[in-house]
Amino acid sequence: IIGLIVQAAVMLPGLPERLQDTGWATAVRSALIGLL
């Protein structure tokens, strides 16, 4: 689970701009903050 969170967070900046503010992206950011 931790690996998936880190991998998703690493991929996040490379997503198209229209996907940056989706619910999925918000969930990944929240999970990464929780991990830190």
All heavy atoms as atom14 arrays in JSON, in Angstrom:
{
  "sequence": "IIGLIVQAAVMLPGLPERLQDTGWATAVRSALIGLL",
  "atom14_mask": [
    [1, 1, 1, 1, 1, 1, 1, 1, 0, 0, 0, 0, 0, 0],
    [1, 1, 1, 1, 1, 1, 1, 1, 0, 0, 0, 0, 0, 0],
    [1, 1, 1, 1, 0, 0, 0, 0, 0, 0, 0, 0, 0, 0],
    [1, 1, 1, 1, 1, 1, 1, 1, 0, 0, 0, 0, 0, 0],
    [1, 1, 1, 1, 1, 1, 1, 1, 0, 0, 0, 0, 0, 0],
    [1, 1, 1, 1, 1, 1, 1, 0, 0, 0, 0, 0, 0, 0],
    [1, 1, 1, 1, 1, 1, 1, 1, 1, 0, 0, 0, 0, 0],
    [1, 1, 1, 1, 1, 0, 0, 0, 0, 0, 0, 0, 0, 0],
    [1, 1, 1, 1, 1, 0, 0, 0, 0, 0, 0, 0, 0, 0],
    [1, 1, 1, 1, 1, 1, 1, 0, 0, 0, 0, 0, 0, 0],
    [1, 1, 1, 1, 1, 1, 1, 1, 0, 0, 0, 0, 0, 0],
    [1, 1, 1, 1, 1, 1, 1, 1, 0, 0, 0, 0, 0, 0],
    [1, 1, 1, 1, 1, 1, 1, 0, 0, 0, 0, 0, 0, 0],
    [1, 1, 1, 1, 0, 0, 0, 0, 0, 0, 0, 0, 0, 0],
    [1, 1, 1, 1, 1, 1, 1, 1, 0, 0, 0, 0, 0, 0],
    [1, 1, 1, 1, 1, 1, 1, 0, 0, 0, 0, 0, 0, 0],
    [1, 1, 1, 1, 1, 1, 1, 1, 1, 0, 0, 0, 0, 0],
    [1, 1, 1, 1, 1, 1, 1, 1, 1, 1, 1, 0, 0, 0],
    [1, 1, 1, 1, 1, 1, 1, 1, 0, 0, 0, 0, 0, 0],
    [1, 1, 1, 1, 1, 1, 1, 1, 1, 0, 0, 0, 0, 0],
    [1, 1, 1, 1, 1, 1, 1, 1, 0, 0, 0, 0, 0, 0],
    [1, 1, 1, 1, 1, 1, 1, 0, 0, 0, 0, 0, 0, 0],
    [1, 1, 1, 1, 0, 0, 0, 0, 0, 0, 0, 0, 0, 0],
    [1, 1, 1, 1, 1, 1, 1, 1, 1, 1, 1, 1, 1, 1],
    [1, 1, 1, 1, 1, 0, 0, 0, 0, 0, 0, 0, 0, 0],
    [1, 1, 1, 1, 1, 1, 1, 0, 0, 0, 0, 0, 0, 0],
    [1, 1, 1, 1, 1, 0, 0, 0, 0, 0, 0, 0, 0, 0],
    [1, 1, 1, 1, 1, 1, 1, 0, 0, 0, 0, 0, 0, 0],
    [1, 1, 1, 1, 1, 1, 1, 1, 1, 1, 1, 0, 0, 0],
    [1, 1, 1, 1, 1, 1, 0, 0, 0, 0, 0, 0, 0, 0],
    [1, 1, 1, 1, 1, 0, 0, 0, 0, 0, 0, 0, 0, 0],
    [1, 1, 1, 1, 1, 1, 1, 1, 0, 0, 0, 0, 0, 0],
    [1, 1, 1, 1, 1, 1, 1, 1, 0, 0, 0, 0, 0, 0],
    [1, 1, 1, 1, 0, 0, 0, 0, 0, 0, 0, 0, 0, 0],
    [1, 1, 1, 1, 1, 1, 1, 1, 0, 0, 0, 0, 0, 0],
    [1, 1, 1, 1, 1, 1, 1, 1, 0, 0, 0, 0, 0, 0]
  ],
  "atom14_positions": [
    [[0.83, -1.2, 0.0], [0.0, 0.0, 0.0], [0.87, 1.26, 0.0], [0.62, 2.21, -0.76], [-0.95, -0.01, 1.21], [-1.98, -1.13, 1.07], [-1.66, 1.33, 1.36], [-2.8, -1.37, 2.33], [0.0, 0.0, 0.0], [0.0, 0.0, 0.0], [0.0, 0.0, 0.0], [0.0, 0.0, 0.0], [0.0, 0.0, 0.0], [0.0, 0.0, 0.0]],
    [[1.9, 1.26, 0.84], [2.81, 2.41, 0.89], [3.51, 2.59, -0.45], [3.65, 3.72, -0.95], [3.83, 2.23, 2.02], [3.13, 2.31, 3.38], [4.94, 3.28, 1.93], [4.03, 2.0, 4.55], [0.0, 0.0, 0.0], [0.0, 0.0, 0.0], [0.0, 0.0, 0.0], [0.0, 0.0, 0.0], [0.0, 0.0, 0.0], [0.0, 0.0, 0.0]],
    [[3.92, 1.49, -1.07], [4.57, 1.57, -2.38], [3.65, 2.15, -3.43], [4.08, 2.97, -4.27], [0.0, 0.0, 0.0], [0.0, 0.0, 0.0], [0.0, 0.0, 0.0], [0.0, 0.0, 0.0], [0.0, 0.0, 0.0], [0.0, 0.0, 0.0], [0.0, 0.0, 0.0], [0.0, 0.0, 0.0], [0.0, 0.0, 0.0], [0.0, 0.0, 0.0]],
    [[2.4, 1.75, -3.4], [1.43, 2.28, -4.37], [1.19, 3.78, -4.16], [1.06, 4.54, -5.12], [0.11, 1.51, -4.26], [0.15, 0.06, -4.73], [-1.17, -0.64, -4.43], [0.47, -0.02, -6.23], [0.0, 0.0, 0.0], [0.0, 0.0, 0.0], [0.0, 0.0, 0.0], [0.0, 0.0, 0.0], [0.0, 0.0, 0.0], [0.0, 0.0, 0.0]],
    [[1.14, 4.19, -2.87], [0.95, 5.62, -2.58], [2.13, 6.43, -3.11], [1.95, 7.47, -3.78], [0.78, 5.84, -1.07], [-0.53, 5.24, -0.57], [0.82, 7.34, -0.74], [-0.69, 5.27, 0.94], [0.0, 0.0, 0.0], [0.0, 0.0, 0.0], [0.0, 0.0, 0.0], [0.0, 0.0, 0.0], [0.0, 0.0, 0.0], [0.0, 0.0, 0.0]],
    [[3.35, 5.96, -2.86], [4.54, 6.67, -3.32], [4.6, 6.71, -4.84], [4.9, 7.76, -5.45], [5.81, 6.01, -2.74], [7.07, 6.63, -3.35], [5.84, 6.16, -1.23], [0.0, 0.0, 0.0], [0.0, 0.0, 0.0], [0.0, 0.0, 0.0], [0.0, 0.0, 0.0], [0.0, 0.0, 0.0], [0.0, 0.0, 0.0], [0.0, 0.0, 0.0]],
    [[4.31, 5.57, -5.46], [4.35, 5.52, -6.92], [3.32, 6.46, -7.55], [3.62, 7.18, -8.51], [4.09, 4.09, -7.4], [4.21, 3.92, -8.91], [3.99, 2.49, -9.35], [3.42, 1.69, -8.61], [4.42, 2.16, -10.56], [0.0, 0.0, 0.0], [0.0, 0.0, 0.0], [0.0, 0.0, 0.0], [0.0, 0.0, 0.0], [0.0, 0.0, 0.0]],
    [[2.11, 6.47, -6.98], [1.08, 7.37, -7.5], [1.47, 8.83, -7.31], [1.22, 9.68, -8.17], [-0.25, 7.08, -6.8], [0.0, 0.0, 0.0], [0.0, 0.0, 0.0], [0.0, 0.0, 0.0], [0.0, 0.0, 0.0], [0.0, 0.0, 0.0], [0.0, 0.0, 0.0], [0.0, 0.0, 0.0], [0.0, 0.0, 0.0], [0.0, 0.0, 0.0]],
    [[2.12, 9.14, -6.17], [2.54, 10.52, -5.9], [3.64, 10.95, -6.86], [3.68, 12.1, -7.3], [3.01, 10.65, -4.46], [0.0, 0.0, 0.0], [0.0, 0.0, 0.0], [0.0, 0.0, 0.0], [0.0, 0.0, 0.0], [0.0, 0.0, 0.0], [0.0, 0.0, 0.0], [0.0, 0.0, 0.0], [0.0, 0.0, 0.0], [0.0, 0.0, 0.0]],
    [[4.53, 10.03, -7.21], [5.61, 10.33, -8.16], [5.04, 10.61, -9.55], [5.51, 11.49, -10.29], [6.63, 9.18, -8.2], [7.62, 9.36, -9.35], [7.37, 9.09, -6.88], [0.0, 0.0, 0.0], [0.0, 0.0, 0.0], [0.0, 0.0, 0.0], [0.0, 0.0, 0.0], [0.0, 0.0, 0.0], [0.0, 0.0, 0.0], [0.0, 0.0, 0.0]],
    [[4.01, 9.86, -9.92], [3.41, 10.01, -11.24], [2.53, 11.25, -11.34], [2.28, 11.74, -12.44], [2.56, 8.77, -11.56], [3.36, 7.5, -11.74], [2.27, 6.07, -11.91], [1.25, 6.58, -13.31], [0.0, 0.0, 0.0], [0.0, 0.0, 0.0], [0.0, 0.0, 0.0], [0.0, 0.0, 0.0], [0.0, 0.0, 0.0], [0.0, 0.0, 0.0]],
    [[2.07, 11.77, -10.19], [1.08, 12.85, -10.19], [1.52, 14.09, -10.96], [0.74, 14.64, -11.76], [0.73, 13.22, -8.75], [-0.58, 13.95, -8.52], [-1.77, 13.17, -9.07], [-0.78, 14.22, -7.03], [0.0, 0.0, 0.0], [0.0, 0.0, 0.0], [0.0, 0.0, 0.0], [0.0, 0.0, 0.0], [0.0, 0.0, 0.0], [0.0, 0.0, 0.0]],
    [[2.77, 14.59, -10.78], [3.16, 15.81, -11.51], [3.17, 15.63, -13.03], [3.06, 16.61, -13.77], [4.58, 16.09, -10.99], [4.65, 15.4, -9.67], [3.82, 14.17, -9.84], [0.0, 0.0, 0.0], [0.0, 0.0, 0.0], [0.0, 0.0, 0.0], [0.0, 0.0, 0.0], [0.0, 0.0, 0.0], [0.0, 0.0, 0.0], [0.0, 0.0, 0.0]],
    [[3.3, 14.4, -13.49], [3.35, 14.16, -14.93], [1.99, 14.0, -15.59], [1.91, 13.81, -16.81], [0.0, 0.0, 0.0], [0.0, 0.0, 0.0], [0.0, 0.0, 0.0], [0.0, 0.0, 0.0], [0.0, 0.0, 0.0], [0.0, 0.0, 0.0], [0.0, 0.0, 0.0], [0.0, 0.0, 0.0], [0.0, 0.0, 0.0], [0.0, 0.0, 0.0]],
    [[0.92, 14.06, -14.8], [-0.42, 13.92, -15.36], [-0.81, 15.17, -16.13], [-0.35, 16.28, -15.83], [-1.43, 13.67, -14.24], [-1.34, 12.32, -13.51], [-2.34, 12.3, -12.37], [-1.6, 11.16, -14.46], [0.0, 0.0, 0.0], [0.0, 0.0, 0.0], [0.0, 0.0, 0.0], [0.0, 0.0, 0.0], [0.0, 0.0, 0.0], [0.0, 0.0, 0.0]],
    [[-1.7, 15.02, -17.12], [-2.21, 16.2, -17.82], [-2.89, 17.16, -16.85], [-3.4, 16.75, -15.81], [-3.23, 15.6, -18.8], [-2.8, 14.19, -18.98], [-2.19, 13.77, -17.67], [0.0, 0.0, 0.0], [0.0, 0.0, 0.0], [0.0, 0.0, 0.0], [0.0, 0.0, 0.0], [0.0, 0.0, 0.0], [0.0, 0.0, 0.0], [0.0, 0.0, 0.0]],
    [[-2.9, 18.43, -17.2], [-3.43, 19.45, -16.28], [-4.88, 19.21, -15.91], [-5.3, 19.48, -14.78], [-3.29, 20.84, -16.93], [-2.81, 21.89, -15.93], [-2.56, 23.22, -16.59], [-1.5, 23.35, -17.22], [-3.44, 24.09, -16.47], [0.0, 0.0, 0.0], [0.0, 0.0, 0.0], [0.0, 0.0, 0.0], [0.0, 0.0, 0.0], [0.0, 0.0, 0.0]],
    [[-5.66, 18.67, -16.85], [-7.08, 18.46, -16.59], [-7.31, 17.37, -15.53], [-8.39, 17.27, -14.96], [-7.8, 18.07, -17.89], [-7.26, 16.83, -18.54], [-7.85, 16.59, -19.93], [-7.24, 15.47, -20.6], [-7.59, 14.21, -20.4], [-8.56, 13.92, -19.54], [-6.96, 13.24, -21.05], [0.0, 0.0, 0.0], [0.0, 0.0, 0.0], [0.0, 0.0, 0.0]],
    [[-6.27, 16.55, -15.26], [-6.41, 15.49, -14.26], [-5.82, 15.89, -12.9], [-5.95, 15.14, -11.93], [-5.72, 14.22, -14.76], [-6.29, 13.58, -16.03], [-5.45, 12.38, -16.42], [-7.75, 13.18, -15.84], [0.0, 0.0, 0.0], [0.0, 0.0, 0.0], [0.0, 0.0, 0.0], [0.0, 0.0, 0.0], [0.0, 0.0, 0.0], [0.0, 0.0, 0.0]],
    [[-5.18, 17.04, -12.85], [-4.49, 17.43, -11.62], [-5.44, 17.69, -10.46], [-5.07, 17.53, -9.3], [-3.65, 18.7, -11.88], [-2.46, 18.47, -12.8], [-1.34, 17.71, -12.13], [-1.25, 17.7, -10.91], [-0.49, 17.07, -12.92], [0.0, 0.0, 0.0], [0.0, 0.0, 0.0], [0.0, 0.0, 0.0], [0.0, 0.0, 0.0], [0.0, 0.0, 0.0]],
    [[-6.66, 18.13, -10.77], [-7.6, 18.48, -9.7], [-8.76, 17.5, -9.58], [-9.81, 17.82, -9.02], [-8.17, 19.89, -9.95], [-7.09, 20.96, -9.87], [-6.19, 20.82, -9.01], [-7.13, 21.92, -10.67], [0.0, 0.0, 0.0], [0.0, 0.0, 0.0], [0.0, 0.0, 0.0], [0.0, 0.0, 0.0], [0.0, 0.0, 0.0], [0.0, 0.0, 0.0]],
    [[-8.59, 16.31, -10.08], [-9.64, 15.3, -9.96], [-9.65, 14.72, -8.55], [-8.72, 14.9, -7.76], [-9.41, 14.17, -10.97], [-8.14, 13.55, -10.69], [-9.42, 14.72, -12.4], [0.0, 0.0, 0.0], [0.0, 0.0, 0.0], [0.0, 0.0, 0.0], [0.0, 0.0, 0.0], [0.0, 0.0, 0.0], [0.0, 0.0, 0.0], [0.0, 0.0, 0.0]],
    [[-10.71, 13.99, -8.23], [-10.82, 13.35, -6.92], [-9.71, 12.35, -6.69], [-9.21, 12.2, -5.56], [0.0, 0.0, 0.0], [0.0, 0.0, 0.0], [0.0, 0.0, 0.0], [0.0, 0.0, 0.0], [0.0, 0.0, 0.0], [0.0, 0.0, 0.0], [0.0, 0.0, 0.0], [0.0, 0.0, 0.0], [0.0, 0.0, 0.0], [0.0, 0.0, 0.0]],
    [[-9.29, 11.65, -7.76], [-8.22, 10.67, -7.62], [-6.92, 11.35, -7.21], [-6.21, 10.89, -6.33], [-8.03, 9.94, -8.95], [-6.91, 8.93, -8.92], [-6.96, 7.65, -8.47], [-5.55, 9.16, -9.34], [-5.73, 7.05, -8.58], [-4.85, 7.95, -9.11], [-4.88, 10.24, -9.88], [-3.5, 7.81, -9.42], [-3.53, 10.11, -10.18], [-2.85, 8.9, -9.95]],
    [[-6.61, 12.49, -7.87], [-5.38, 13.21, -7.56], [-5.42, 13.75, -6.13], [-4.41, 13.72, -5.41], [-5.19, 14.35, -8.55], [0.0, 0.0, 0.0], [0.0, 0.0, 0.0], [0.0, 0.0, 0.0], [0.0, 0.0, 0.0], [0.0, 0.0, 0.0], [0.0, 0.0, 0.0], [0.0, 0.0, 0.0], [0.0, 0.0, 0.0], [0.0, 0.0, 0.0]],
    [[-6.57, 14.25, -5.71], [-6.71, 14.74, -4.34], [-6.5, 13.62, -3.33], [-5.85, 13.81, -2.29], [-8.11, 15.36, -4.14], [-8.28, 16.43, -5.09], [-8.27, 15.9, -2.73], [0.0, 0.0, 0.0], [0.0, 0.0, 0.0], [0.0, 0.0, 0.0], [0.0, 0.0, 0.0], [0.0, 0.0, 0.0], [0.0, 0.0, 0.0], [0.0, 0.0, 0.0]],
    [[-7.03, 12.45, -3.64], [-6.87, 11.29, -2.75], [-5.4, 10.9, -2.64], [-4.92, 10.56, -1.55], [-7.7, 10.12, -3.25], [0.0, 0.0, 0.0], [0.0, 0.0, 0.0], [0.0, 0.0, 0.0], [0.0, 0.0, 0.0], [0.0, 0.0, 0.0], [0.0, 0.0, 0.0], [0.0, 0.0, 0.0], [0.0, 0.0, 0.0], [0.0, 0.0, 0.0]],
    [[-4.69, 10.94, -3.76], [-3.26, 10.59, -3.74], [-2.48, 11.59, -2.9], [-1.62, 11.21, -2.09], [-2.71, 10.52, -5.17], [-1.18, 10.39, -5.15], [-3.31, 9.34, -5.92], [0.0, 0.0, 0.0], [0.0, 0.0, 0.0], [0.0, 0.0, 0.0], [0.0, 0.0, 0.0], [0.0, 0.0, 0.0], [0.0, 0.0, 0.0], [0.0, 0.0, 0.0]],
    [[-2.76, 12.87, -3.07], [-2.07, 13.89, -2.29], [-2.34, 13.71, -0.79], [-1.42, 13.81, 0.04], [-2.51, 15.29, -2.73], [-2.04, 15.69, -4.12], [-2.27, 17.18, -4.37], [-2.1, 17.5, -5.78], [-3.08, 17.59, -6.66], [-4.33, 17.38, -6.28], [-2.82, 17.89, -7.92], [0.0, 0.0, 0.0], [0.0, 0.0, 0.0], [0.0, 0.0, 0.0]],
    [[-3.6, 13.46, -0.46], [-3.96, 13.26, 0.95], [-3.25, 12.04, 1.53], [-2.77, 12.07, 2.67], [-5.47, 13.11, 1.09], [-6.14, 14.26, 0.61], [0.0, 0.0, 0.0], [0.0, 0.0, 0.0], [0.0, 0.0, 0.0], [0.0, 0.0, 0.0], [0.0, 0.0, 0.0], [0.0, 0.0, 0.0], [0.0, 0.0, 0.0], [0.0, 0.0, 0.0]],
    [[-3.21, 10.95, 0.74], [-2.54, 9.73, 1.21], [-1.05, 9.97, 1.41], [-0.45, 9.47, 2.37], [-2.77, 8.6, 0.21], [0.0, 0.0, 0.0], [0.0, 0.0, 0.0], [0.0, 0.0, 0.0], [0.0, 0.0, 0.0], [0.0, 0.0, 0.0], [0.0, 0.0, 0.0], [0.0, 0.0, 0.0], [0.0, 0.0, 0.0], [0.0, 0.0, 0.0]],
    [[-0.43, 10.75, 0.51], [0.99, 11.04, 0.64], [1.27, 11.9, 1.88], [2.22, 11.64, 2.63], [1.51, 11.75, -0.6], [3.01, 12.09, -0.6], [3.85, 10.82, -0.49], [3.39, 12.89, -1.83], [0.0, 0.0, 0.0], [0.0, 0.0, 0.0], [0.0, 0.0, 0.0], [0.0, 0.0, 0.0], [0.0, 0.0, 0.0], [0.0, 0.0, 0.0]],
    [[0.43, 12.9, 2.13], [0.58, 13.73, 3.31], [0.43, 12.88, 4.58], [1.19, 13.01, 5.54], [-0.44, 14.88, 3.31], [-0.11, 15.86, 2.17], [-0.44, 15.62, 4.65], [-1.18, 16.91, 1.95], [0.0, 0.0, 0.0], [0.0, 0.0, 0.0], [0.0, 0.0, 0.0], [0.0, 0.0, 0.0], [0.0, 0.0, 0.0], [0.0, 0.0, 0.0]],
    [[-0.58, 11.99, 4.55], [-0.78, 11.09, 5.69], [0.42, 10.19, 5.92], [0.81, 9.94, 7.06], [0.0, 0.0, 0.0], [0.0, 0.0, 0.0], [0.0, 0.0, 0.0], [0.0, 0.0, 0.0], [0.0, 0.0, 0.0], [0.0, 0.0, 0.0], [0.0, 0.0, 0.0], [0.0, 0.0, 0.0], [0.0, 0.0, 0.0], [0.0, 0.0, 0.0]],
    [[1.04, 9.73, 4.82], [2.22, 8.89, 4.93], [3.39, 9.65, 5.54], [4.11, 9.13, 6.41], [2.6, 8.36, 3.54], [3.76, 7.36, 3.45], [3.45, 6.12, 4.27], [4.03, 7.01, 2.0], [0.0, 0.0, 0.0], [0.0, 0.0, 0.0], [0.0, 0.0, 0.0], [0.0, 0.0, 0.0], [0.0, 0.0, 0.0], [0.0, 0.0, 0.0]],
    [[3.57, 10.9, 5.12], [4.67, 11.71, 5.64], [4.47, 12.07, 7.11], [5.44, 12.2, 7.87], [4.81, 12.99, 4.81], [5.23, 12.8, 3.34], [5.18, 14.12, 2.6], [6.62, 12.18, 3.25], [0.0, 0.0, 0.0], [0.0, 0.0, 0.0], [0.0, 0.0, 0.0], [0.0, 0.0, 0.0], [0.0, 0.0, 0.0], [0.0, 0.0, 0.0]]
  ]
}
